[in-house]
Amino acid sequence: MYQIGSTGRIAVIIVIATLTLLVGGTMGVEAAMQRRILAAPQLDLRAGPVYIRASASTPQPVPACPSRSPNANDMNALAVCSQQFYVILVLIQHGTPDDTPWILQLLNVPIGGERSA
C-alpha cells in the first residue's frame, strides 16, 4: 500500500484548494459579466494556426419580448427586447487559408438579460 507523506498531503491540499478557487472564480466572473458588474474582456489572439476571439455580441432581439411592439424611439423599450452574449471562439486553420477552419465555441454567456417592463 502506498502512503502519502506530510509533504505529499500538503501538495494535494494545495492543488485541491487551487482548483476550487479557479472554478469558483470562473463562476464568479461569469455571474459578474451576466449582471454587467464586470465588463466582458475583448480578446483577439493568433498563435500559429490557432486564432482565439472573445467578444460581446451586438444586442439581439428577444422573440418572447414582454413589449411586443416597442417604439423605435424609446430606448428603454428596445433594451427590454434585446439580449447580448459574450462568446469565446477558437478557430484552428489546417492547411491553406482556403480550407474551412475547425471552430470550437468555448463559451456563450448571456450578458444582462431580458428585463421586465
PDB file of N, CA and C in Angstrom:
ATOM      1  N   MET A   1       0.845  -1.175   0.000  1.00  0.00           N
ATOM      2  CA  MET A   1       0.000   0.000   0.000  1.00  0.00           C
ATOM      3  C   MET A   1       0.895   1.243   0.000  1.00  0.00           C
ATOM      4  N   TYR A   2       0.510   2.222  -0.789  1.00  0.00           N
ATOM      5  CA  TYR A   2       1.276   3.454  -0.910  1.00  0.00           C
ATOM      6  C   TYR A   2       0.750   4.477   0.097  1.00  0.00           C
ATOM      7  N   GLN A   3       1.655   5.077   0.843  1.00  0.00           N
ATOM      8  CA  GLN A   3       1.257   6.103   1.816  1.00  0.00           C
ATOM      9  C   GLN A   3       1.851   7.442   1.400  1.00  0.00           C
ATOM     10  N   ILE A   4       1.063   8.483   1.571  1.00  0.00           N
ATOM     11  CA  ILE A   4       1.500   9.841   1.234  1.00  0.00           C
ATOM     12  C   ILE A   4       2.106  10.460   2.487  1.00  0.00           C
ATOM     13  N   GLY A   5       3.294  11.021   2.345  1.00  0.00           N
ATOM     14  CA  GLY A   5       3.943  11.696   3.455  1.00  0.00           C
ATOM     15  C   GLY A   5       3.306  13.048   3.709  1.00  0.00           C
ATOM     16  N   SER A   6       3.774  13.747   4.727  1.00  0.00           N
ATOM     17  CA  SER A   6       3.188  15.043   5.075  1.00  0.00           C
ATOM     18  C   SER A   6       3.389  16.066   3.958  1.00  0.00           C
ATOM     19  N   THR A   7       4.529  16.019   3.258  1.00  0.00           N
ATOM     20  CA  THR A   7       4.761  16.936   2.135  1.00  0.00           C
ATOM     21  C   THR A   7       3.788  16.640   1.000  1.00  0.00           C
ATOM     22  N   GLY A   8       3.538  15.358   0.747  1.00  0.00           N
ATOM     23  CA  GLY A   8       2.596  14.966  -0.300  1.00  0.00           C
ATOM     24  C   GLY A   8       1.183  15.395   0.035  1.00  0.00           C
ATOM     25  N   ARG A   9       0.784  15.291   1.302  1.00  0.00           N
ATOM     26  CA  ARG A   9      -0.556  15.719   1.717  1.00  0.00           C
ATOM     27  C   ARG A   9      -0.728  17.216   1.534  1.00  0.00           C
ATOM     28  N   ILE A  10       0.301  17.962   1.883  1.00  0.00           N
ATOM     29  CA  ILE A  10       0.243  19.418   1.717  1.00  0.00           C
ATOM     30  C   ILE A  10       0.112  19.769   0.232  1.00  0.00           C
ATOM     31  N   ALA A  11       0.845  19.067  -0.622  1.00  0.00           N
ATOM     32  CA  ALA A  11       0.770  19.325  -2.065  1.00  0.00           C
ATOM     33  C   ALA A  11      -0.625  19.018  -2.589  1.00  0.00           C
ATOM     34  N   VAL A  12      -1.224  17.918  -2.145  1.00  0.00           N
ATOM     35  CA  VAL A  12      -2.576  17.563  -2.570  1.00  0.00           C
ATOM     36  C   VAL A  12      -3.575  18.615  -2.107  1.00  0.00           C
ATOM     37  N   ILE A  13      -3.449  19.075  -0.877  1.00  0.00           N
ATOM     38  CA  ILE A  13      -4.339  20.112  -0.351  1.00  0.00           C
ATOM     39  C   ILE A  13      -4.191  21.408  -1.147  1.00  0.00           C
ATOM     40  N   ILE A  14      -2.971  21.774  -1.484  1.00  0.00           N
ATOM     41  CA  ILE A  14      -2.735  22.997  -2.263  1.00  0.00           C
ATOM     42  C   ILE A  14      -3.353  22.874  -3.653  1.00  0.00           C
ATOM     43  N   VAL A  15      -3.202  21.723  -4.296  1.00  0.00           N
ATOM     44  CA  VAL A  15      -3.772  21.519  -5.634  1.00  0.00           C
ATOM     45  C   VAL A  15      -5.295  21.585  -5.579  1.00  0.00           C
ATOM     46  N   ILE A  16      -5.896  20.928  -4.602  1.00  0.00           N
ATOM     47  CA  ILE A  16      -7.363  20.946  -4.479  1.00  0.00           C
ATOM     48  C   ILE A  16      -7.859  22.358  -4.180  1.00  0.00           C
ATOM     49  N   ALA A  17      -7.187  23.086  -3.310  1.00  0.00           N
ATOM     50  CA  ALA A  17      -7.588  24.465  -2.986  1.00  0.00           C
ATOM     51  C   ALA A  17      -7.463  25.363  -4.215  1.00  0.00           C
ATOM     52  N   THR A  18      -6.387  25.191  -4.980  1.00  0.00           N
ATOM     53  CA  THR A  18      -6.187  26.000  -6.186  1.00  0.00           C
ATOM     54  C   THR A  18      -7.283  25.728  -7.213  1.00  0.00           C
ATOM     55  N   LEU A  19      -7.608  24.459  -7.431  1.00  0.00           N
ATOM     56  CA  LEU A  19      -8.673  24.127  -8.383  1.00  0.00           C
ATOM     57  C   LEU A  19     -10.029  24.654  -7.911  1.00  0.00           C
ATOM     58  N   THR A  20     -10.282  24.583  -6.617  1.00  0.00           N
ATOM     59  CA  THR A  20     -11.534  25.113  -6.073  1.00  0.00           C
ATOM     60  C   THR A  20     -11.632  26.616  -6.287  1.00  0.00           C
ATOM     61  N   LEU A  21     -10.551  27.338  -6.020  1.00  0.00           N
ATOM     62  CA  LEU A  21     -10.543  28.787  -6.250  1.00  0.00           C
ATOM     63  C   LEU A  21     -10.695  29.121  -7.724  1.00  0.00           C
ATOM     64  N   LEU A  22     -10.067  28.336  -8.591  1.00  0.00           N
ATOM     65  CA  LEU A  22     -10.167  28.583 -10.031  1.00  0.00           C
ATOM     66  C   LEU A  22     -11.592  28.398 -10.528  1.00  0.00           C
ATOM     67  N   VAL A  23     -12.240  27.313 -10.129  1.00  0.00           N
ATOM     68  CA  VAL A  23     -13.624  27.064 -10.545  1.00  0.00           C
ATOM     69  C   VAL A  23     -14.557  28.116  -9.944  1.00  0.00           C
ATOM     70  N   GLY A  24     -14.405  28.393  -8.653  1.00  0.00           N
ATOM     71  CA  GLY A  24     -15.249  29.403  -8.005  1.00  0.00           C
ATOM     72  C   GLY A  24     -15.051  30.785  -8.595  1.00  0.00           C
ATOM     73  N   GLY A  25     -13.807  31.143  -8.891  1.00  0.00           N
ATOM     74  CA  GLY A  25     -13.521  32.441  -9.505  1.00  0.00           C
ATOM     75  C   GLY A  25     -14.112  32.560 -10.893  1.00  0.00           C
ATOM     76  N   THR A  26     -14.046  31.477 -11.661  1.00  0.00           N
ATOM     77  CA  THR A  26     -14.620  31.490 -13.005  1.00  0.00           C
ATOM     78  C   THR A  26     -16.129  31.688 -12.944  1.00  0.00           C
ATOM     79  N   MET A  27     -16.781  30.994 -12.030  1.00  0.00           N
ATOM     80  CA  MET A  27     -18.228  31.155 -11.897  1.00  0.00           C
ATOM     81  C   MET A  27     -18.576  32.556 -11.400  1.00  0.00           C
ATOM     82  N   GLY A  28     -17.761  33.125 -10.522  1.00  0.00           N
ATOM     83  CA  GLY A  28     -17.995  34.478 -10.038  1.00  0.00           C
ATOM     84  C   GLY A  28     -17.838  35.517 -11.131  1.00  0.00           C
ATOM     85  N   VAL A  29     -16.808  35.359 -11.965  1.00  0.00           N
ATOM     86  CA  VAL A  29     -16.593  36.290 -13.083  1.00  0.00           C
ATOM     87  C   VAL A  29     -17.743  36.179 -14.078  1.00  0.00           C
ATOM     88  N   GLU A  30     -18.182  34.951 -14.353  1.00  0.00           N
ATOM     89  CA  GLU A  30     -19.303  34.759 -15.272  1.00  0.00           C
ATOM     90  C   GLU A  30     -20.565  35.440 -14.734  1.00  0.00           C
ATOM     91  N   ALA A  31     -20.843  35.277 -13.452  1.00  0.00           N
ATOM     92  CA  ALA A  31     -22.019  35.919 -12.849  1.00  0.00           C
ATOM     93  C   ALA A  31     -21.899  37.436 -12.886  1.00  0.00           C
ATOM     94  N   ALA A  32     -20.698  37.969 -12.650  1.00  0.00           N
ATOM     95  CA  ALA A  32     -20.485  39.417 -12.688  1.00  0.00           C
ATOM     96  C   ALA A  32     -20.676  39.959 -14.100  1.00  0.00           C
ATOM     97  N   MET A  33     -20.235  39.198 -15.119  1.00  0.00           N
ATOM     98  CA  MET A  33     -20.429  39.642 -16.505  1.00  0.00           C
ATOM     99  C   MET A  33     -21.903  39.601 -16.875  1.00  0.00           C
ATOM    100  N   GLN A  34     -22.623  38.571 -16.425  1.00  0.00           N
ATOM    101  CA  GLN A  34     -24.043  38.471 -16.748  1.00  0.00           C
ATOM    102  C   GLN A  34     -24.842  39.612 -16.146  1.00  0.00           C
ATOM    103  N   ARG A  35     -24.425  40.108 -14.998  1.00  0.00           N
ATOM    104  CA  ARG A  35     -25.141  41.201 -14.331  1.00  0.00           C
ATOM    105  C   ARG A  35     -24.558  42.569 -14.688  1.00  0.00           C
ATOM    106  N   ARG A  36     -23.633  42.582 -15.627  1.00  0.00           N
ATOM    107  CA  ARG A  36     -22.981  43.818 -16.107  1.00  0.00           C
ATOM    108  C   ARG A  36     -22.220  44.543 -15.005  1.00  0.00           C
ATOM    109  N   ILE A  37     -21.755  43.811 -14.001  1.00  0.00           N
ATOM    110  CA  ILE A  37     -20.916  44.389 -12.958  1.00  0.00           C
ATOM    111  C   ILE A  37     -19.488  44.496 -13.466  1.00  0.00           C
ATOM    112  N   LEU A  38     -19.086  43.520 -14.253  1.00  0.00           N
ATOM    113  CA  LEU A  38     -17.738  43.437 -14.813  1.00  0.00           C
ATOM    114  C   LEU A  38     -17.843  43.481 -16.324  1.00  0.00           C
ATOM    115  N   ALA A  39     -17.051  44.356 -16.952  1.00  0.00           N
ATOM    116  CA  ALA A  39     -17.066  44.451 -18.408  1.00  0.00           C
ATOM    117  C   ALA A  39     -16.446  43.198 -19.016  1.00  0.00           C
ATOM    118  N   ALA A  40     -17.057  42.689 -20.059  1.00  0.00           N
ATOM    119  CA  ALA A  40     -16.550  41.499 -20.736  1.00  0.00           C
ATOM    120  C   ALA A  40     -15.275  41.851 -21.505  1.00  0.00           C
ATOM    121  N   PRO A  41     -14.176  41.129 -21.241  1.00  0.00           N
ATOM    122  CA  PRO A  41     -12.925  41.462 -21.926  1.00  0.00           C
ATOM    123  C   PRO A  41     -12.968  41.085 -23.404  1.00  0.00           C
ATOM    124  N   GLN A  42     -12.328  41.891 -24.222  1.00  0.00           N
ATOM    125  CA  GLN A  42     -12.217  41.635 -25.658  1.00  0.00           C
ATOM    126  C   GLN A  42     -10.851  41.003 -25.917  1.00  0.00           C
ATOM    127  N   LEU A  43     -10.802  39.951 -26.718  1.00  0.00           N
ATOM    128  CA  LEU A  43      -9.556  39.253 -26.988  1.00  0.00           C
ATOM    129  C   LEU A  43      -9.486  38.909 -28.465  1.00  0.00           C
ATOM    130  N   ASP A  44      -8.347  39.162 -29.063  1.00  0.00           N
ATOM    131  CA  ASP A  44      -8.108  38.849 -30.465  1.00  0.00           C
ATOM    132  C   ASP A  44      -6.661  38.369 -30.555  1.00  0.00           C
ATOM    133  N   LEU A  45      -6.454  37.051 -30.560  1.00  0.00           N
ATOM    134  CA  LEU A  45      -5.115  36.483 -30.430  1.00  0.00           C
ATOM    135  C   LEU A  45      -4.892  35.413 -31.488  1.00  0.00           C
ATOM    136  N   ARG A  46      -3.726  35.457 -32.129  1.00  0.00           N
ATOM    137  CA  ARG A  46      -3.365  34.431 -33.108  1.00  0.00           C
ATOM    138  C   ARG A  46      -2.016  33.847 -32.709  1.00  0.00           C
ATOM    139  N   ALA A  47      -1.957  32.505 -32.646  1.00  0.00           N
ATOM    140  CA  ALA A  47      -0.721  31.788 -32.359  1.00  0.00           C
ATOM    141  C   ALA A  47      -0.607  30.643 -33.363  1.00  0.00           C
ATOM    142  N   GLY A  48       0.123  30.879 -34.434  1.00  0.00           N
ATOM    143  CA  GLY A  48       0.254  29.871 -35.483  1.00  0.00           C
ATOM    144  C   GLY A  48      -1.088  29.630 -36.155  1.00  0.00           C
ATOM    145  N   PRO A  49      -1.523  28.368 -36.237  1.00  0.00           N
ATOM    146  CA  PRO A  49      -2.805  28.072 -36.892  1.00  0.00           C
ATOM    147  C   PRO A  49      -4.011  28.275 -35.973  1.00  0.00           C
ATOM    148  N   VAL A  50      -3.770  28.684 -34.716  1.00  0.00           N
ATOM    149  CA  VAL A  50      -4.866  28.848 -33.747  1.00  0.00           C
ATOM    150  C   VAL A  50      -5.201  30.336 -33.602  1.00  0.00           C
ATOM    151  N   TYR A  51      -6.485  30.643 -33.690  1.00  0.00           N
ATOM    152  CA  TYR A  51      -6.976  32.009 -33.561  1.00  0.00           C
ATOM    153  C   TYR A  51      -8.046  32.006 -32.471  1.00  0.00           C
ATOM    154  N   ILE A  52      -7.872  32.837 -31.447  1.00  0.00           N
ATOM    155  CA  ILE A  52      -8.829  32.920 -30.341  1.00  0.00           C
ATOM    156  C   ILE A  52      -9.469  34.296 -30.363  1.00  0.00           C
ATOM    157  N   ARG A  53     -10.785  34.305 -30.330  1.00  0.00           N
ATOM    158  CA  ARG A  53     -11.519  35.572 -30.333  1.00  0.00           C
ATOM    159  C   ARG A  53     -12.584  35.529 -29.240  1.00  0.00           C
ATOM    160  N   ALA A  54     -12.573  36.550 -28.409  1.00  0.00           N
ATOM    161  CA  ALA A  54     -13.572  36.686 -27.354  1.00  0.00           C
ATOM    162  C   ALA A  54     -14.148  38.094 -27.447  1.00  0.00           C
ATOM    163  N   SER A  55     -15.469  38.169 -27.516  1.00  0.00           N
ATOM    164  CA  SER A  55     -16.102  39.480 -27.617  1.00  0.00           C
ATOM    165  C   SER A  55     -17.568  39.397 -27.224  1.00  0.00           C
ATOM    166  N   ALA A  56     -18.126  40.549 -26.967  1.00  0.00           N
ATOM    167  CA  ALA A  56     -19.557  40.649 -26.686  1.00  0.00           C
ATOM    168  C   ALA A  56     -20.277  40.886 -28.005  1.00  0.00           C
ATOM    169  N   SER A  57     -21.392  40.217 -28.191  1.00  0.00           N
ATOM    170  CA  SER A  57     -22.161  40.387 -29.416  1.00  0.00           C
ATOM    171  C   SER A  57     -22.931  41.699 -29.370  1.00  0.00           C
ATOM    172  N   THR A  58     -23.428  42.089 -30.515  1.00  0.00           N
ATOM    173  CA  THR A  58     -24.328  43.235 -30.539  1.00  0.00           C
ATOM    174  C   THR A  58     -25.667  42.769 -29.963  1.00  0.00           C
ATOM    175  N   PRO A  59     -26.449  43.664 -29.375  1.00  0.00           N
ATOM    176  CA  PRO A  59     -27.740  43.237 -28.823  1.00  0.00           C
ATOM    177  C   PRO A  59     -28.622  42.587 -29.893  1.00  0.00           C
ATOM    178  N   GLN A  60     -29.170  41.430 -29.554  1.00  0.00           N
ATOM    179  CA  GLN A  60     -30.034  40.670 -30.459  1.00  0.00           C
ATOM    180  C   GLN A  60     -31.476  40.781 -29.977  1.00  0.00           C
ATOM    181  N   PRO A  61     -32.451  40.838 -30.895  1.00  0.00           N
ATOM    182  CA  PRO A  61     -33.847  40.909 -30.460  1.00  0.00           C
ATOM    183  C   PRO A  61     -34.270  39.627 -29.754  1.00  0.00           C
ATOM    184  N   VAL A  62     -35.091  39.765 -28.730  1.00  0.00           N
ATOM    185  CA  VAL A  62     -35.614  38.628 -27.980  1.00  0.00           C
ATOM    186  C   VAL A  62     -36.996  38.304 -28.527  1.00  0.00           C
ATOM    187  N   PRO A  63     -37.212  37.059 -29.000  1.00  0.00           N
ATOM    188  CA  PRO A  63     -38.522  36.720 -29.593  1.00  0.00           C
ATOM    189  C   PRO A  63     -39.679  36.832 -28.608  1.00  0.00           C
ATOM    190  N   ALA A  64     -39.507  36.383 -27.381  1.00  0.00           N
ATOM    191  CA  ALA A  64     -40.588  36.422 -26.387  1.00  0.00           C
ATOM    192  C   ALA A  64     -40.456  37.691 -25.554  1.00  0.00           C
ATOM    193  N   CYS A  65     -40.661  38.809 -26.194  1.00  0.00           N
ATOM    194  CA  CYS A  65     -40.494  40.098 -25.546  1.00  0.00           C
ATOM    195  C   CYS A  65     -41.787  40.524 -24.864  1.00  0.00           C
ATOM    196  N   PRO A  66     -41.696  41.045 -23.614  1.00  0.00           N
ATOM    197  CA  PRO A  66     -42.925  41.489 -22.941  1.00  0.00           C
ATOM    198  C   PRO A  66     -43.614  42.627 -23.677  1.00  0.00           C
ATOM    199  N   SER A  67     -42.825  43.476 -24.331  1.00  0.00           N
ATOM    200  CA  SER A  67     -43.392  44.573 -25.107  1.00  0.00           C
ATOM    201  C   SER A  67     -43.347  44.139 -26.568  1.00  0.00           C
ATOM    202  N   ARG A  68     -44.456  43.652 -27.114  1.00  0.00           N
ATOM    203  CA  ARG A  68     -44.480  43.064 -28.451  1.00  0.00           C
ATOM    204  C   ARG A  68     -44.129  44.052 -29.563  1.00  0.00           C
ATOM    205  N   SER A  69     -44.494  45.294 -29.409  1.00  0.00           N
ATOM    206  CA  SER A  69     -44.188  46.265 -30.459  1.00  0.00           C
ATOM    207  C   SER A  69     -43.527  47.482 -29.829  1.00  0.00           C
ATOM    208  N   PRO A  70     -42.196  47.400 -29.560  1.00  0.00           N
ATOM    209  CA  PRO A  70     -41.533  48.547 -28.941  1.00  0.00           C
ATOM    210  C   PRO A  70     -41.442  49.719 -29.901  1.00  0.00           C
ATOM    211  N   ASN A  71     -41.492  50.897 -29.339  1.00  0.00           N
ATOM    212  CA  ASN A  71     -41.342  52.122 -30.096  1.00  0.00           C
ATOM    213  C   ASN A  71     -39.863  52.275 -30.447  1.00  0.00           C
ATOM    214  N   ALA A  72     -39.536  52.492 -31.691  1.00  0.00           N
ATOM    215  CA  ALA A  72     -38.141  52.606 -32.127  1.00  0.00           C
ATOM    216  C   ALA A  72     -37.429  53.783 -31.480  1.00  0.00           C
ATOM    217  N   ASN A  73     -38.163  54.783 -31.007  1.00  0.00           N
ATOM    218  CA  ASN A  73     -37.558  55.952 -30.372  1.00  0.00           C
ATOM    219  C   ASN A  73     -37.426  55.797 -28.864  1.00  0.00           C
ATOM    220  N   ASP A  74     -38.030  54.771 -28.279  1.00  0.00           N
ATOM    221  CA  ASP A  74     -37.976  54.554 -26.837  1.00  0.00           C
ATOM    222  C   ASP A  74     -36.858  53.570 -26.518  1.00  0.00           C
ATOM    223  N   MET A  75     -35.729  54.080 -26.004  1.00  0.00           N
ATOM    224  CA  MET A  75     -34.560  53.243 -25.731  1.00  0.00           C
ATOM    225  C   MET A  75     -34.834  52.220 -24.626  1.00  0.00           C
ATOM    226  N   ASN A  76     -35.675  52.555 -23.649  1.00  0.00           N
ATOM    227  CA  ASN A  76     -35.996  51.601 -22.593  1.00  0.00           C
ATOM    228  C   ASN A  76     -36.757  50.401 -23.144  1.00  0.00           C
ATOM    229  N   ALA A  77     -37.707  50.644 -24.046  1.00  0.00           N
ATOM    230  CA  ALA A  77     -38.461  49.545 -24.646  1.00  0.00           C
ATOM    231  C   ALA A  77     -37.547  48.669 -25.493  1.00  0.00           C
ATOM    232  N   LEU A  78     -36.595  49.278 -26.219  1.00  0.00           N
ATOM    233  CA  LEU A  78     -35.661  48.494 -27.031  1.00  0.00           C
ATOM    234  C   LEU A  78     -34.724  47.682 -26.150  1.00  0.00           C
ATOM    235  N   ALA A  79     -34.299  48.226 -25.013  1.00  0.00           N
ATOM    236  CA  ALA A  79     -33.407  47.497 -24.106  1.00  0.00           C
ATOM    237  C   ALA A  79     -34.112  46.287 -23.520  1.00  0.00           C
ATOM    238  N   VAL A  80     -35.405  46.399 -23.264  1.00  0.00           N
ATOM    239  CA  VAL A  80     -36.171  45.281 -22.730  1.00  0.00           C
ATOM    240  C   VAL A  80     -36.231  44.152 -23.750  1.00  0.00           C
ATOM    241  N   CYS A  81     -36.261  44.482 -25.015  1.00  0.00           N
ATOM    242  CA  CYS A  81     -36.454  43.488 -26.071  1.00  0.00           C
ATOM    243  C   CYS A  81     -35.150  43.071 -26.738  1.00  0.00           C
ATOM    244  N   SER A  82     -34.016  43.185 -26.048  1.00  0.00           N
ATOM    245  CA  SER A  82     -32.756  42.766 -26.651  1.00  0.00           C
ATOM    246  C   SER A  82     -31.931  41.963 -25.653  1.00  0.00           C
ATOM    247  N   GLN A  83     -31.042  41.138 -26.180  1.00  0.00           N
ATOM    248  CA  GLN A  83     -30.179  40.293 -25.368  1.00  0.00           C
ATOM    249  C   GLN A  83     -28.781  40.321 -25.987  1.00  0.00           C
ATOM    250  N   GLN A  84     -27.777  40.377 -25.144  1.00  0.00           N
ATOM    251  CA  GLN A  84     -26.390  40.407 -25.591  1.00  0.00           C
ATOM    252  C   GLN A  84     -25.681  39.170 -25.034  1.00  0.00           C
ATOM    253  N   PHE A  85     -24.703  38.650 -25.780  1.00  0.00           N
ATOM    254  CA  PHE A  85     -23.981  37.457 -25.364  1.00  0.00           C
ATOM    255  C   PHE A  85     -22.482  37.712 -25.395  1.00  0.00           C
ATOM    256  N   TYR A  86     -21.746  37.042 -24.504  1.00  0.00           N
ATOM    257  CA  TYR A  86     -20.285  37.046 -24.514  1.00  0.00           C
ATOM    258  C   TYR A  86     -19.860  35.689 -25.048  1.00  0.00           C
ATOM    259  N   VAL A  87     -19.083  35.704 -26.134  1.00  0.00           N
ATOM    260  CA  VAL A  87     -18.728  34.475 -26.837  1.00  0.00           C
ATOM    261  C   VAL A  87     -17.215  34.365 -26.946  1.00  0.00           C
ATOM    262  N   ILE A  88     -16.695  33.167 -26.668  1.00  0.00           N
ATOM    263  CA  ILE A  88     -15.277  32.868 -26.895  1.00  0.00           C
ATOM    264  C   ILE A  88     -15.211  31.764 -27.947  1.00  0.00           C
ATOM    265  N   LEU A  89     -14.534  32.062 -29.047  1.00  0.00           N
ATOM    266  CA  LEU A  89     -14.370  31.114 -30.151  1.00  0.00           C
ATOM    267  C   LEU A  89     -12.897  30.794 -30.353  1.00  0.00           C
ATOM    268  N   VAL A  90     -12.614  29.541 -30.689  1.00  0.00           N
ATOM    269  CA  VAL A  90     -11.272  29.111 -31.076  1.00  0.00           C
ATOM    270  C   VAL A  90     -11.380  28.581 -32.489  1.00  0.00           C
ATOM    271  N   LEU A  91     -10.609  29.170 -33.405  1.00  0.00           N
ATOM    272  CA  LEU A  91     -10.583  28.725 -34.793  1.00  0.00           C
ATOM    273  C   LEU A  91      -9.214  28.117 -35.068  1.00  0.00           C
ATOM    274  N   ILE A  92      -9.195  26.929 -35.643  1.00  0.00           N
ATOM    275  CA  ILE A  92      -7.934  26.270 -35.982  1.00  0.00           C
ATOM    276  C   ILE A  92      -7.920  26.077 -37.490  1.00  0.00           C
ATOM    277  N   GLN A  93      -6.925  26.669 -38.124  1.00  0.00           N
ATOM    278  CA  GLN A  93      -6.804  26.624 -39.586  1.00  0.00           C
ATOM    279  C   GLN A  93      -5.746  25.595 -39.964  1.00  0.00           C
ATOM    280  N   HIS A  94      -6.173  24.492 -40.548  1.00  0.00           N
ATOM    281  CA  HIS A  94      -5.245  23.478 -41.050  1.00  0.00           C
ATOM    282  C   HIS A  94      -5.094  23.666 -42.543  1.00  0.00           C
ATOM    283  N   GLY A  95      -3.894  23.534 -43.041  1.00  0.00           N
ATOM    284  CA  GLY A  95      -3.680  23.619 -44.484  1.00  0.00           C
ATOM    285  C   GLY A  95      -3.682  25.039 -44.985  1.00  0.00           C
ATOM    286  N   THR A  96      -4.252  25.235 -46.151  1.00  0.00           N
ATOM    287  CA  THR A  96      -4.251  26.546 -46.805  1.00  0.00           C
ATOM    288  C   THR A  96      -5.361  27.427 -46.230  1.00  0.00           C
ATOM    289  N   PRO A  97      -5.257  28.740 -46.417  1.00  0.00           N
ATOM    290  CA  PRO A  97      -6.314  29.646 -45.929  1.00  0.00           C
ATOM    291  C   PRO A  97      -7.671  29.384 -46.578  1.00  0.00           C
ATOM    292  N   ASP A  98      -7.693  28.706 -47.739  1.00  0.00           N
ATOM    293  CA  ASP A  98      -8.966  28.401 -48.392  1.00  0.00           C
ATOM    294  C   ASP A  98      -9.722  27.262 -47.707  1.00  0.00           C
ATOM    295  N   ASP A  99      -9.012  26.436 -46.916  1.00  0.00           N
ATOM    296  CA  ASP A  99      -9.664  25.337 -46.206  1.00  0.00           C
ATOM    297  C   ASP A  99     -10.565  25.892 -45.105  1.00  0.00           C
ATOM    298  N   THR A 100     -11.661  25.210 -44.845  1.00  0.00           N
ATOM    299  CA  THR A 100     -12.581  25.624 -43.792  1.00  0.00           C
ATOM    300  C   THR A 100     -11.936  25.383 -42.427  1.00  0.00           C
ATOM    301  N   PRO A 101     -11.892  26.402 -41.570  1.00  0.00           N
ATOM    302  CA  PRO A 101     -11.280  26.211 -40.246  1.00  0.00           C
ATOM    303  C   PRO A 101     -12.175  25.369 -39.340  1.00  0.00           C
ATOM    304  N   TRP A 102     -11.536  24.714 -38.389  1.00  0.00           N
ATOM    305  CA  TRP A 102     -12.254  23.975 -37.357  1.00  0.00           C
ATOM    306  C   TRP A 102     -12.599  24.982 -36.274  1.00  0.00           C
ATOM    307  N   ILE A 103     -13.873  25.110 -35.907  1.00  0.00           N
ATOM    308  CA  ILE A 103     -14.321  26.140 -34.965  1.00  0.00           C
ATOM    309  C   ILE A 103     -14.851  25.469 -33.691  1.00  0.00           C
ATOM    310  N   LEU A 104     -14.368  25.946 -32.561  1.00  0.00           N
ATOM    311  CA  LEU A 104     -14.806  25.454 -31.265  1.00  0.00           C
ATOM    312  C   LEU A 104     -15.335  26.632 -30.464  1.00  0.00           C
ATOM    313  N   GLN A 105     -16.578  26.555 -30.021  1.00  0.00           N
ATOM    314  CA  GLN A 105     -17.157  27.605 -29.185  1.00  0.00           C
ATOM    315  C   GLN A 105     -16.945  27.200 -27.736  1.00  0.00           C
ATOM    316  N   LEU A 106     -16.081  27.932 -27.035  1.00  0.00           N
ATOM    317  CA  LEU A 106     -15.773  27.605 -25.653  1.00  0.00           C
ATOM    318  C   LEU A 106     -16.805  28.126 -24.680  1.00  0.00           C
ATOM    319  N   LEU A 107     -17.367  29.286 -24.979  1.00  0.00           N
ATOM    320  CA  LEU A 107     -18.269  29.929 -24.030  1.00  0.00           C
ATOM    321  C   LEU A 107     -19.302  30.747 -24.775  1.00  0.00           C
ATOM    322  N   ASN A 108     -20.535  30.715 -24.288  1.00  0.00           N
ATOM    323  CA  ASN A 108     -21.611  31.549 -24.816  1.00  0.00           C
ATOM    324  C   ASN A 108     -22.487  31.920 -23.620  1.00  0.00           C
ATOM    325  N   VAL A 109     -22.222  33.098 -23.041  1.00  0.00           N
ATOM    326  CA  VAL A 109     -22.883  33.518 -21.801  1.00  0.00           C
ATOM    327  C   VAL A 109     -23.756  34.734 -22.081  1.00  0.00           C
ATOM    328  N   PRO A 110     -25.028  34.688 -21.672  1.00  0.00           N
ATOM    329  CA  PRO A 110     -25.862  35.888 -21.821  1.00  0.00           C
ATOM    330  C   PRO A 110     -25.382  36.991 -20.887  1.00  0.00           C
ATOM    331  N   ILE A 111     -25.378  38.203 -21.407  1.00  0.00           N
ATOM    332  CA  ILE A 111     -24.984  39.373 -20.611  1.00  0.00           C
ATOM    333  C   ILE A 111     -26.249  40.171 -20.329  1.00  0.00           C
ATOM    334  N   GLY A 112     -26.405  40.597 -19.116  1.00  0.00           N
ATOM    335  CA  GLY A 112     -27.593  41.386 -18.757  1.00  0.00           C
ATOM    336  C   GLY A 112     -28.808  40.510 -18.757  1.00  0.00           C
ATOM    337  N   GLY A 113     -29.561  40.567 -19.781  1.00  0.00           N
ATOM    338  CA  GLY A 113     -30.734  39.710 -19.894  1.00  0.00           C
ATOM    339  C   GLY A 113     -31.983  40.530 -20.064  1.00  0.00           C
ATOM    340  N   GLU A 114     -33.027  39.829 -20.379  1.00  0.00           N
ATOM    341  CA  GLU A 114     -34.311  40.473 -20.593  1.00  0.00           C
ATOM    342  C   GLU A 114     -34.827  41.003 -19.270  1.00  0.00           C
ATOM    343  N   ARG A 115     -35.210  42.263 -19.268  1.00  0.00           N
ATOM    344  CA  ARG A 115     -35.751  42.903 -18.071  1.00  0.00           C
ATOM    345  C   ARG A 115     -37.245  43.099 -18.251  1.00  0.00           C
ATOM    346  N   SER A 116     -37.959  42.982 -17.184  1.00  0.00           N
ATOM    347  CA  SER A 116     -39.410  43.185 -17.307  1.00  0.00           C
ATOM    348  C   SER A 116     -39.712  44.680 -17.424  1.00  0.00           C
ATOM    349  N   ALA A 117     -40.744  44.986 -18.175  1.00  0.00           N
ATOM    350  CA  ALA A 117     -41.116  46.384 -18.424  1.00  0.00           C
ATOM    351  C   ALA A 117     -41.810  46.996 -17.250  1.00  0.00           C
TER     352      ALA A 117
END
